[in-house]
Amino acid sequence: MATWTPTRDDFRGIYREQNPWHTSRGLPSGLAPQTERTLATLLWRKLISDRAPRHQIVLGPRRVGKTTVLYQTVRHLLANGVPTGKIWWLRLDHPLLLESSLGDLVDAIVEGSQATVERPLYLMLDEIVYADKWDLWLKTFHDDRWPVRVAATSSGSAALRKQRHESGVGRWDEHHLMPCLLDESHMLMSHAESTSPPRTHPAETLADTLAALPTTHPADDRTARSREILMMVGGYPQLLTHRGPANDAKSVPTLEDWVLESQQVLRSDAVERAVYKDIPQATGIDSPATLERLLYMLAAAVTGIISPKNLSQDLGISQPTFDRYLTHLEQTYLVFTLTNYSGSEPAIQRRGRKLYFWDSAVRNAALQRGLAPLSDPVEQGTLLENLVTATVKSLAVHAGIRLHYWREGNREVDLIYDDPRQPLAFEVASSPNHHRRGLAALVERHPHLRGHSYLIAPQAEVIRADRERSGIGTLPLDAFLLAVGAQARHAMLGRLGLPQVLRQPAAQRNRPSPMPSAISSGE
């Protein structure tokens, strides 16, 4: 049988399909919704910056909106005067592109577009880890000053961490796009009604932001509803904005229908594709079924302390294999673990880890829980702790802060946000009447947390911890989630080197900005 060899016309067809703005001089609205997450409003600024340009890599779980962010980045570049012929998109998991060298593909595009260092090519590489030796090619593009500026996505960091870490130092920045937090999810679901949750203005530290919360914080039924949807449907833009079979703005699905549909989607895309495609492709493991069984066991143990020894015995695998599989699940942003807080690093490493899902709806989808969590108060409490922990974890990732739990004997506190400027402790509860025994034991054991420890619960009042004799305060759940979301945005802006943008009104941030000199001339 003759071997098929792709021709130049085959590649031209792929390029036309993946770069519609080359022929229509526009970006189809279906690819780039007008409502944008924070990263989408800012990433293009990093690409056009003249200050030591680096490649930009967006990491995160499936369905979180990484590809959409790249398309919205294309829209911003076009709106700010970048010629259509200088913006190229390559979806690198395409069967034909999989067989091609990334260097050869980019070399041909650079030559055809007549790119120069002064008039560079803006290259969008979707699913970059499917390209062979992608890290070495990015290193080459940067070190040899190829006239390209790259924005790329990956559905997980497993393959990124597998590559030579030194390749990326000084050459690319990694940005984490995680499931939506409460403020973002509320905005996505209610933008058509022009409603928004109360605005929280972040300070330099989370401790200062929480200290500035108004003592009168009225309950908001809309925000509480958004929180329930976020916890049950998931923090994924397409799921949050779904309006029913006809996508009719007037057709709002019932929560039950919404939950069932999201679980089907998340099971197929977030769970099965990660377990059976992303992780095997990145790591070469040959037993994805065992990996899936492990994920089920972890889903059943969410918010609990895991036992590697027991889990590995139940799975019939060695403990080193268990540790490796758990790392894979963490690197694809399905789960994360917290270590026990201690003043001693060796003690932290010895003690057990608590297990959480980045999104509680993915946990429900993995277990195929259906509507059961809606009517089970115990499970609701577990999912609430998972939601709060994942929210604080998102902030910790952007801010570079370590997050722990604390346990000694039968006393436990859910979260220690270990900011060296001012650490904080949080206990999550379903009622403001929940006991404070764990927090009391913590502040006695670690006095520097006195005045900085809080019980987080629905209907709780804002009570400043530093004004209480016990050193323990309370915060209302939704106000806390919104404050952490605002702080996460602030931390993301800091990592992007664009803190001044935060002080601009949202509408102004979405307008085209003055043309940078590097791209001021058209084609």
Protein backbone atom coordinates (compact mmCIF):
# COMPACT_ATOMS: atom_id res chain seq x y z
CA MET A 1 0.00 0.00 0.00
CA ALA A 2 1.36 3.43 -0.97
CA THR A 3 2.26 5.82 1.83
CA TRP A 4 0.40 9.12 1.76
CA THR A 5 2.65 12.16 1.85
CA PRO A 6 1.06 15.52 2.70
CA THR A 7 1.52 18.30 0.16
CA ARG A 8 1.84 22.05 0.55
CA ASP A 9 -1.82 22.33 -0.40
CA ASP A 10 -2.72 20.09 2.55
CA PHE A 11 -0.88 22.40 4.92
CA ARG A 12 -2.42 25.49 3.30
CA GLY A 13 -5.86 24.00 3.89
CA ILE A 14 -5.11 23.49 7.59
CA TYR A 15 -3.74 27.02 7.92
CA ARG A 16 -6.84 28.51 6.26
CA GLU A 17 -9.09 26.52 8.58
CA GLN A 18 -7.20 27.46 11.73
CA ASN A 19 -6.60 31.13 10.81
CA PRO A 20 -9.92 32.49 9.50
CA TRP A 21 -8.81 36.11 10.01
CA HIS A 22 -6.28 35.69 7.20
CA THR A 23 -9.06 35.66 4.59
CA SER A 24 -12.02 37.38 6.27
CA ARG A 25 -9.87 39.95 8.13
CA GLY A 26 -11.86 39.21 11.23
CA LEU A 27 -12.30 36.73 14.05
CA PRO A 28 -15.58 34.75 14.17
CA SER A 29 -17.48 35.84 17.29
CA GLY A 30 -18.18 32.23 18.20
CA LEU A 31 -14.48 31.66 18.84
CA ALA A 32 -14.00 34.64 21.15
CA PRO A 33 -16.99 35.57 23.35
CA GLN A 34 -17.17 39.22 24.41
CA THR A 35 -17.21 38.31 28.10
CA GLU A 36 -13.60 37.75 29.11
CA ARG A 37 -11.81 36.28 32.08
CA THR A 38 -9.09 38.44 33.62
CA LEU A 39 -6.20 36.71 31.88
CA ALA A 40 -7.74 37.30 28.45
CA THR A 41 -7.87 41.05 29.04
CA LEU A 42 -4.15 41.16 29.82
CA LEU A 43 -2.20 38.44 28.00
CA TRP A 44 -1.93 40.39 24.75
CA ARG A 45 -0.14 43.19 26.62
CA LYS A 46 2.61 40.78 27.62
CA LEU A 47 3.03 39.65 24.02
CA ILE A 48 3.51 43.13 22.60
CA SER A 49 5.76 44.33 25.40
CA ASP A 50 9.19 45.42 24.20
CA ARG A 51 10.79 44.66 27.54
CA ALA A 52 12.69 41.37 27.21
CA PRO A 53 9.83 39.51 25.48
CA ARG A 54 9.20 35.97 26.68
CA HIS A 55 6.91 33.23 25.50
CA GLN A 56 3.63 32.98 27.42
CA ILE A 57 2.22 29.56 28.35
CA VAL A 58 -1.30 29.14 29.74
CA LEU A 59 -1.78 26.05 31.90
CA GLY A 60 -4.96 24.64 33.34
CA PRO A 61 -7.50 21.81 33.28
CA ARG A 62 -9.63 20.92 30.30
CA ARG A 63 -12.68 23.10 29.53
CA VAL A 64 -11.42 25.96 31.69
CA GLY A 65 -11.18 28.31 28.68
CA LYS A 66 -7.50 28.28 27.69
CA THR A 67 -8.21 28.14 23.94
CA THR A 68 -10.84 30.87 24.33
CA VAL A 69 -8.26 33.08 26.08
CA LEU A 70 -5.93 32.63 23.11
CA TYR A 71 -8.68 33.55 20.62
CA GLN A 72 -9.55 36.61 22.71
CA THR A 73 -5.86 37.49 22.69
CA VAL A 74 -5.99 37.35 18.88
CA ARG A 75 -8.95 39.74 18.97
CA HIS A 76 -7.03 42.20 21.16
CA LEU A 77 -4.00 42.03 18.87
CA LEU A 78 -6.14 42.71 15.80
CA ALA A 79 -7.93 45.58 17.58
CA ASN A 80 -4.56 47.11 18.45
CA GLY A 81 -3.26 47.16 14.91
CA VAL A 82 -1.34 43.91 14.50
CA PRO A 83 -1.70 42.93 10.81
CA THR A 84 -3.72 39.78 10.19
CA GLY A 85 -0.80 38.14 8.39
CA LYS A 86 1.37 38.51 11.50
CA ILE A 87 -0.97 36.43 13.71
CA TRP A 88 -0.86 32.66 13.23
CA TRP A 89 -2.68 29.84 14.99
CA LEU A 90 -1.48 26.23 15.10
CA ARG A 91 -3.54 23.56 16.87
CA LEU A 92 -0.73 21.13 17.45
CA ASP A 93 -2.83 18.05 18.20
CA HIS A 94 -4.01 18.10 14.56
CA PRO A 95 -3.06 14.71 13.00
CA LEU A 96 -1.05 16.30 10.19
CA LEU A 97 0.79 18.78 12.40
CA LEU A 98 1.64 16.00 14.85
CA GLU A 99 3.90 14.50 12.20
CA SER A 100 5.76 17.75 11.56
CA SER A 101 8.67 19.41 13.30
CA LEU A 102 7.61 22.53 15.18
CA GLY A 103 10.77 24.22 13.97
CA ASP A 104 10.00 23.44 10.32
CA LEU A 105 6.41 24.67 10.67
CA VAL A 106 7.43 27.95 12.28
CA ASP A 107 10.35 28.49 9.88
CA ALA A 108 8.00 28.21 6.88
CA ILE A 109 5.48 30.60 8.43
CA VAL A 110 8.16 33.15 9.36
CA GLU A 111 9.52 33.08 5.82
CA GLY A 112 6.08 33.38 4.25
CA SER A 113 4.97 36.24 6.50
CA GLN A 114 8.28 38.14 6.15
CA ALA A 115 8.46 38.59 9.92
CA THR A 116 11.35 40.50 11.48
CA VAL A 117 12.40 41.17 15.07
CA GLU A 118 10.94 44.67 14.69
CA ARG A 119 7.72 43.32 13.11
CA PRO A 120 7.39 39.92 14.77
CA LEU A 121 5.07 37.03 14.17
CA TYR A 122 2.52 36.41 16.95
CA LEU A 123 2.22 32.66 17.17
CA MET A 124 -0.66 30.96 19.01
CA LEU A 125 0.24 27.33 19.77
CA ASP A 126 -2.78 25.43 21.09
CA GLU A 127 -1.87 22.21 22.97
CA ILE A 128 1.85 22.81 22.63
CA VAL A 129 2.93 19.64 24.43
CA TYR A 130 1.79 17.55 21.45
CA ALA A 131 4.74 18.96 19.47
CA ASP A 132 7.90 16.86 19.72
CA LYS A 133 10.75 18.62 21.58
CA TRP A 134 8.54 21.67 22.06
CA ASP A 135 10.68 22.93 24.94
CA LEU A 136 13.89 22.87 22.92
CA TRP A 137 12.20 24.69 20.06
CA LEU A 138 10.91 27.41 22.38
CA LYS A 139 14.43 27.72 23.76
CA THR A 140 15.75 28.03 20.20
CA PHE A 141 13.15 30.62 19.22
CA HIS A 142 14.15 32.75 22.20
CA ASP A 143 17.93 32.31 22.27
CA ASP A 144 18.42 32.64 18.50
CA ARG A 145 16.06 35.62 18.38
CA TRP A 146 13.60 34.20 15.92
CA PRO A 147 11.06 36.94 15.05
CA VAL A 148 8.24 35.19 16.90
CA ARG A 149 6.32 35.85 20.10
CA VAL A 150 4.54 32.78 21.36
CA ALA A 151 1.39 32.28 23.40
CA ALA A 152 0.66 28.60 24.04
CA THR A 153 -1.72 26.36 25.96
CA SER A 154 -1.47 22.98 27.61
CA SER A 155 -4.27 20.95 29.20
CA GLY A 156 -2.00 20.06 32.07
CA SER A 157 1.49 20.67 33.34
CA ALA A 158 2.53 17.01 33.40
CA ALA A 159 4.33 17.23 30.09
CA LEU A 160 5.71 20.66 30.94
CA ARG A 161 7.26 19.43 34.17
CA LYS A 162 8.60 16.38 32.36
CA GLN A 163 10.70 18.52 30.04
CA ARG A 164 14.00 20.10 30.96
CA HIS A 165 13.14 22.75 33.52
CA GLU A 166 16.14 24.87 32.65
CA SER A 167 14.80 25.38 29.12
CA GLY A 168 12.11 27.69 30.44
CA VAL A 169 14.17 29.83 32.81
CA GLY A 170 14.13 33.37 31.49
CA ARG A 171 12.45 32.24 28.27
CA TRP A 172 8.80 31.71 29.10
CA ASP A 173 6.26 32.61 31.74
CA GLU A 174 3.59 30.19 32.96
CA HIS A 175 0.09 31.44 33.75
CA HIS A 176 -2.44 29.28 35.57
CA LEU A 177 -6.02 29.48 34.35
CA MET A 178 -8.07 27.68 36.95
CA PRO A 179 -11.83 27.08 37.28
CA CYS A 180 -13.76 30.31 37.85
CA LEU A 181 -13.94 31.71 41.35
CA LEU A 182 -17.20 33.10 42.72
CA ASP A 183 -16.82 36.64 41.38
CA GLU A 184 -15.96 35.45 37.87
CA SER A 185 -18.71 32.84 37.78
CA HIS A 186 -21.29 35.38 38.98
CA MET A 187 -20.17 37.79 36.26
CA LEU A 188 -20.36 35.12 33.54
CA MET A 189 -23.83 33.99 34.55
CA SER A 190 -25.37 37.41 35.10
CA HIS A 191 -23.70 39.71 32.56
CA ALA A 192 -26.84 39.76 30.43
CA GLU A 193 -28.71 41.23 33.41
CA SER A 194 -25.91 43.72 34.19
CA THR A 195 -25.70 42.50 37.76
CA SER A 196 -22.55 41.94 39.74
CA PRO A 197 -21.61 40.91 43.26
CA PRO A 198 -20.40 43.51 45.74
CA ARG A 199 -16.97 44.79 44.71
CA THR A 200 -14.03 44.02 46.98
CA HIS A 201 -10.93 46.21 46.66
CA PRO A 202 -7.83 44.12 47.41
CA ALA A 203 -4.89 45.34 49.45
CA GLU A 204 -1.32 44.05 49.22
CA THR A 205 -2.05 41.08 51.48
CA LEU A 206 -5.12 38.96 52.06
CA ALA A 207 -4.90 39.82 55.77
CA ASP A 208 -5.29 43.53 54.98
CA THR A 209 -8.11 42.86 52.50
CA LEU A 210 -10.09 40.87 55.06
CA ALA A 211 -9.44 43.47 57.76
CA ALA A 212 -10.98 46.11 55.49
CA LEU A 213 -14.28 44.26 54.91
CA PRO A 214 -17.23 46.33 56.11
CA THR A 215 -18.73 45.07 59.36
CA THR A 216 -22.20 45.28 57.83
CA HIS A 217 -22.32 42.88 54.91
CA PRO A 218 -25.95 42.15 53.92
CA ALA A 219 -26.70 38.71 52.49
CA ASP A 220 -27.14 38.65 48.72
CA ASP A 221 -29.43 35.90 47.43
CA ARG A 222 -28.02 36.22 43.89
CA THR A 223 -24.47 35.68 45.07
CA ALA A 224 -25.54 32.72 47.21
CA ARG A 225 -27.28 31.24 44.17
CA SER A 226 -24.13 31.73 42.09
CA ARG A 227 -22.12 29.97 44.79
CA GLU A 228 -24.47 26.98 44.77
CA ILE A 229 -24.26 26.73 40.98
CA LEU A 230 -20.47 27.07 41.08
CA MET A 231 -20.20 24.25 43.60
CA MET A 232 -22.57 21.89 41.76
CA VAL A 233 -22.18 22.80 38.05
CA GLY A 234 -18.47 23.65 38.11
CA GLY A 235 -16.34 26.70 37.40
CA TYR A 236 -16.12 26.21 33.63
CA PRO A 237 -17.22 29.13 31.43
CA GLN A 238 -19.15 27.13 28.83
CA LEU A 239 -21.09 25.29 31.52
CA LEU A 240 -21.81 28.43 33.53
CA THR A 241 -23.14 30.33 30.51
CA HIS A 242 -25.24 27.48 29.15
CA ARG A 243 -28.85 28.54 28.67
CA GLY A 244 -30.52 25.38 27.50
CA PRO A 245 -30.72 23.42 24.23
CA ALA A 246 -31.36 26.49 22.10
CA ASN A 247 -28.93 28.72 24.03
CA ASP A 248 -31.88 31.04 24.53
CA ALA A 249 -31.10 33.90 26.92
CA LYS A 250 -34.63 33.58 28.30
CA SER A 251 -34.34 29.85 28.84
CA VAL A 252 -32.66 29.17 32.16
CA PRO A 253 -32.33 25.45 33.00
CA THR A 254 -33.36 24.15 36.39
CA LEU A 255 -30.45 23.50 38.73
CA GLU A 256 -31.17 19.77 38.53
CA ASP A 257 -30.96 19.72 34.72
CA TRP A 258 -27.90 21.95 34.83
CA VAL A 259 -26.11 19.63 37.27
CA LEU A 260 -26.88 16.45 35.31
CA GLU A 261 -25.75 17.94 32.02
CA SER A 262 -22.54 19.35 33.49
CA GLN A 263 -21.68 15.99 35.05
CA GLN A 264 -22.00 14.29 31.66
CA VAL A 265 -19.74 16.87 30.05
CA LEU A 266 -17.16 16.87 32.85
CA ARG A 267 -17.02 13.08 33.03
CA SER A 268 -16.30 12.88 29.31
CA ASP A 269 -13.95 15.87 28.94
CA ALA A 270 -12.40 16.61 32.32
CA VAL A 271 -12.09 13.06 33.66
CA GLU A 272 -11.89 10.51 30.85
CA ARG A 273 -9.84 12.60 28.42
CA ALA A 274 -7.34 13.54 31.14
CA VAL A 275 -7.02 9.94 32.35
CA TYR A 276 -7.04 8.17 28.99
CA LYS A 277 -5.43 10.79 26.73
CA ASP A 278 -3.54 13.64 28.40
CA ILE A 279 -1.68 11.72 31.10
CA PRO A 280 -0.75 8.66 28.97
CA GLN A 281 0.39 10.96 26.15
CA ALA A 282 2.57 13.00 28.52
CA THR A 283 3.93 10.23 30.75
CA GLY A 284 3.71 6.98 28.79
CA ILE A 285 1.81 5.10 31.53
CA ASP A 286 0.24 1.89 30.24
CA SER A 287 -2.54 1.39 32.80
CA PRO A 288 -4.97 4.32 32.62
CA ALA A 289 -7.74 2.10 34.05
CA THR A 290 -5.79 1.90 37.32
CA LEU A 291 -5.36 5.66 37.22
CA GLU A 292 -9.13 6.04 36.83
CA ARG A 293 -9.76 3.73 39.81
CA LEU A 294 -7.39 5.83 41.89
CA LEU A 295 -9.30 8.96 40.93
CA TYR A 296 -12.57 7.33 42.10
CA MET A 297 -10.97 6.47 45.44
CA LEU A 298 -9.69 10.00 45.86
CA ALA A 299 -13.10 11.42 44.99
CA ALA A 300 -14.63 9.32 47.77
CA ALA A 301 -11.96 10.58 50.20
CA VAL A 302 -12.20 14.29 49.31
CA THR A 303 -11.29 16.67 52.20
CA GLY A 304 -9.86 13.68 54.11
CA ILE A 305 -6.30 12.63 54.95
CA ILE A 306 -5.18 10.04 52.42
CA SER A 307 -3.25 6.88 53.23
CA PRO A 308 -0.85 6.04 50.37
CA LYS A 309 -0.16 2.64 51.90
CA ASN A 310 -3.82 1.60 52.06
CA LEU A 311 -4.73 3.05 48.68
CA SER A 312 -1.79 1.40 46.91
CA GLN A 313 -2.69 -1.95 48.50
CA ASP A 314 -6.32 -1.61 47.41
CA LEU A 315 -5.17 -0.84 43.86
CA GLY A 316 -2.59 -3.62 43.79
CA ILE A 317 0.27 -1.27 42.96
CA SER A 318 3.47 -0.28 44.75
CA GLN A 319 3.56 2.87 46.83
CA PRO A 320 6.09 4.56 44.47
CA THR A 321 3.66 3.88 41.60
CA PHE A 322 0.83 5.34 43.68
CA ASP A 323 2.89 8.46 44.37
CA ARG A 324 3.66 8.82 40.66
CA TYR A 325 0.00 8.41 39.66
CA LEU A 326 -1.11 10.94 42.27
CA THR A 327 1.46 13.39 40.92
CA HIS A 328 0.05 12.93 37.42
CA LEU A 329 -3.46 13.73 38.65
CA GLU A 330 -2.14 16.81 40.43
CA GLN A 331 -0.22 17.99 37.39
CA THR A 332 -3.32 17.80 35.21
CA TYR A 333 -5.22 19.97 37.72
CA LEU A 334 -7.75 17.38 38.79
CA VAL A 335 -6.70 17.20 42.45
CA PHE A 336 -4.28 18.81 44.88
CA THR A 337 -3.05 17.97 48.36
CA LEU A 338 -2.21 19.98 51.47
CA THR A 339 0.47 19.16 54.02
CA ASN A 340 0.17 19.59 57.78
CA TYR A 341 1.29 22.98 59.05
CA SER A 342 4.42 22.93 61.19
CA GLY A 343 7.33 25.17 62.00
CA SER A 344 9.63 22.37 60.80
CA GLU A 345 9.93 21.41 57.14
CA PRO A 346 10.89 17.78 57.92
CA ALA A 347 7.77 17.49 60.07
CA ILE A 348 5.65 18.80 57.19
CA GLN A 349 7.02 16.11 54.87
CA ARG A 350 6.43 13.27 57.35
CA ARG A 351 2.78 13.92 58.07
CA GLY A 352 -0.28 12.92 56.05
CA ARG A 353 -1.75 14.95 53.21
CA LYS A 354 -5.34 16.12 52.80
CA LEU A 355 -6.93 15.63 49.40
CA TYR A 356 -9.04 18.14 47.48
CA PHE A 357 -10.40 18.54 43.94
CA TRP A 358 -9.76 21.72 42.02
CA ASP A 359 -13.46 21.68 41.22
CA SER A 360 -16.04 19.85 43.31
CA ALA A 361 -18.25 19.29 40.25
CA VAL A 362 -15.46 17.19 38.70
CA ARG A 363 -15.40 15.10 41.87
CA ASN A 364 -19.17 14.56 41.56
CA ALA A 365 -18.78 13.69 37.88
CA ALA A 366 -16.02 11.16 38.62
CA LEU A 367 -18.27 9.40 41.14
CA GLN A 368 -21.35 9.84 38.92
CA ARG A 369 -23.20 11.28 41.91
CA GLY A 370 -26.04 12.75 39.86
CA LEU A 371 -28.41 14.83 42.01
CA ALA A 372 -27.55 13.11 45.31
CA PRO A 373 -25.32 15.94 46.67
CA LEU A 374 -28.24 18.37 46.44
CA SER A 375 -30.15 16.57 49.19
CA ASP A 376 -27.34 15.29 51.43
CA PRO A 377 -26.36 17.84 54.14
CA VAL A 378 -23.17 15.96 55.03
CA GLU A 379 -22.01 15.90 51.42
CA GLN A 380 -22.98 19.55 51.03
CA GLY A 381 -20.66 20.37 53.93
CA THR A 382 -17.83 18.42 52.31
CA LEU A 383 -18.32 20.18 48.99
CA LEU A 384 -18.44 23.55 50.73
CA GLU A 385 -15.06 22.91 52.36
CA ASN A 386 -13.71 21.82 48.98
CA LEU A 387 -15.02 25.01 47.31
CA VAL A 388 -13.44 27.29 49.91
CA THR A 389 -10.15 25.38 49.88
CA ALA A 390 -9.93 25.39 46.06
CA THR A 391 -10.65 29.14 46.05
CA VAL A 392 -7.85 29.87 48.52
CA LYS A 393 -5.58 27.46 46.64
CA SER A 394 -6.14 29.45 43.43
CA LEU A 395 -4.99 32.58 45.23
CA ALA A 396 -2.02 30.71 46.69
CA VAL A 397 -0.91 29.57 43.21
CA HIS A 398 -1.04 33.11 41.79
CA ALA A 399 0.60 34.64 44.85
CA GLY A 400 3.26 31.96 45.34
CA ILE A 401 2.04 31.25 48.88
CA ARG A 402 2.05 27.83 50.53
CA LEU A 403 -1.26 26.44 51.80
CA HIS A 404 -1.59 23.86 54.59
CA TYR A 405 -4.05 22.36 57.02
CA TRP A 406 -3.26 21.89 60.73
CA ARG A 407 -3.86 18.88 62.92
CA GLU A 408 -2.54 17.82 66.32
CA GLY A 409 -4.27 14.97 68.13
CA ASN A 410 -8.01 15.43 67.67
CA ARG A 411 -7.77 19.18 66.99
CA GLU A 412 -7.81 20.33 63.38
CA VAL A 413 -8.10 23.55 61.34
CA ASP A 414 -8.95 23.43 57.65
CA LEU A 415 -6.58 25.99 56.16
CA ILE A 416 -3.37 27.84 56.96
CA TYR A 417 -2.55 30.48 54.34
CA ASP A 418 1.17 30.72 55.03
CA ASP A 419 1.91 34.23 53.78
CA PRO A 420 5.27 35.20 55.34
CA ARG A 421 4.02 38.80 55.68
CA GLN A 422 1.02 37.65 57.73
CA PRO A 423 -0.21 34.05 57.85
CA LEU A 424 -3.92 33.38 58.30
CA ALA A 425 -5.98 30.45 59.56
CA PHE A 426 -9.49 29.49 58.42
CA GLU A 427 -12.03 26.95 59.60
CA VAL A 428 -14.93 26.30 57.20
CA ALA A 429 -18.34 25.50 58.66
CA SER A 430 -21.98 25.30 57.58
CA SER A 431 -23.11 27.43 60.54
CA PRO A 432 -21.64 30.39 62.45
CA ASN A 433 -22.44 28.45 65.63
CA HIS A 434 -19.82 25.84 64.76
CA HIS A 435 -17.36 25.19 67.60
CA ARG A 436 -13.96 26.89 67.60
CA ARG A 437 -11.98 24.25 69.48
CA GLY A 438 -9.56 23.63 66.62
CA LEU A 439 -8.90 27.35 66.10
CA ALA A 440 -8.44 27.87 69.84
CA ALA A 441 -5.88 25.05 70.01
CA LEU A 442 -4.10 26.43 66.95
CA VAL A 443 -3.63 29.96 68.31
CA GLU A 444 -2.42 28.53 71.60
CA ARG A 445 0.12 26.36 69.77
CA HIS A 446 1.09 29.09 67.27
CA PRO A 447 0.58 32.51 68.93
CA HIS A 448 1.48 34.43 65.77
CA LEU A 449 -1.92 33.34 64.37
CA ARG A 450 -3.84 34.94 67.24
CA GLY A 451 -5.82 37.82 65.82
CA HIS A 452 -5.55 36.32 62.34
CA SER A 453 -7.78 33.24 62.60
CA TYR A 454 -11.35 33.05 61.33
CA LEU A 455 -14.42 30.86 61.20
CA ILE A 456 -15.96 31.05 57.71
CA ALA A 457 -19.68 30.26 57.48
CA PRO A 458 -22.88 31.35 55.73
CA GLN A 459 -24.80 34.01 57.68
CA ALA A 460 -21.76 34.76 59.84
CA GLU A 461 -21.06 38.36 60.85
CA VAL A 462 -17.87 40.23 60.02
CA ILE A 463 -16.02 40.12 63.36
CA ARG A 464 -12.39 41.23 63.32
CA ALA A 465 -10.13 38.58 64.86
CA ASP A 466 -7.68 41.16 66.21
CA ARG A 467 -10.48 42.79 68.21
CA GLU A 468 -11.58 39.58 69.91
CA ARG A 469 -10.10 38.42 73.21
CA SER A 470 -9.88 34.89 71.81
CA GLY A 471 -8.00 36.12 68.72
CA ILE A 472 -10.63 34.37 66.56
CA GLY A 473 -13.03 36.21 64.28
CA THR A 474 -15.81 35.28 61.87
CA LEU A 475 -16.48 36.09 58.23
CA PRO A 476 -19.54 35.50 56.03
CA LEU A 477 -18.87 32.82 53.44
CA ASP A 478 -19.73 34.73 50.28
CA ALA A 479 -17.93 37.92 51.35
CA PHE A 480 -14.86 35.80 52.04
CA LEU A 481 -15.03 34.04 48.65
CA LEU A 482 -15.39 37.37 46.83
CA ALA A 483 -12.48 38.88 48.78
CA VAL A 484 -10.23 35.92 47.95
CA GLY A 485 -11.24 36.18 44.29
CA ALA A 486 -10.31 39.86 44.20
CA GLN A 487 -7.00 39.06 45.89
CA ALA A 488 -6.31 36.33 43.31
CA ARG A 489 -6.87 38.85 40.50
CA HIS A 490 -4.51 41.26 42.22
CA ALA A 491 -1.86 38.52 42.50
CA MET A 492 -2.29 37.58 38.83
CA LEU A 493 -1.75 41.20 37.81
CA GLY A 494 1.41 41.29 39.89
CA ARG A 495 2.76 38.17 38.20
CA LEU A 496 1.97 39.68 34.80
CA GLY A 497 3.82 42.84 35.76
CA LEU A 498 0.69 44.90 35.07
CA PRO A 499 -0.59 46.06 38.50
CA GLN A 500 -1.58 49.48 37.14
CA VAL A 501 -4.34 47.91 35.05
CA LEU A 502 -6.18 46.92 38.22
CA ARG A 503 -6.90 50.57 38.99
CA GLN A 504 -8.65 51.15 35.67
CA PRO A 505 -12.42 50.67 35.32
CA ALA A 506 -13.32 47.31 33.80
CA ALA A 507 -14.84 48.94 30.70
CA GLN A 508 -11.63 50.89 30.12
CA ARG A 509 -9.52 47.75 30.48
CA ASN A 510 -11.47 46.16 27.63
CA ARG A 511 -10.96 49.07 25.22
CA PRO A 512 -8.10 48.99 22.69
CA SER A 513 -5.10 50.74 24.18
CA PRO A 514 -2.74 53.15 22.40
CA MET A 515 -0.63 51.44 19.78
CA PRO A 516 2.76 50.17 20.99
CA SER A 517 5.59 51.39 18.78
CA ALA A 518 6.66 47.85 17.93
CA ILE A 519 3.46 47.22 15.95
CA SER A 520 2.42 50.72 14.96
CA SER A 521 2.81 50.27 11.21
CA GLY A 522 0.27 48.26 9.26
CA GLU A 523 0.80 45.90 6.43
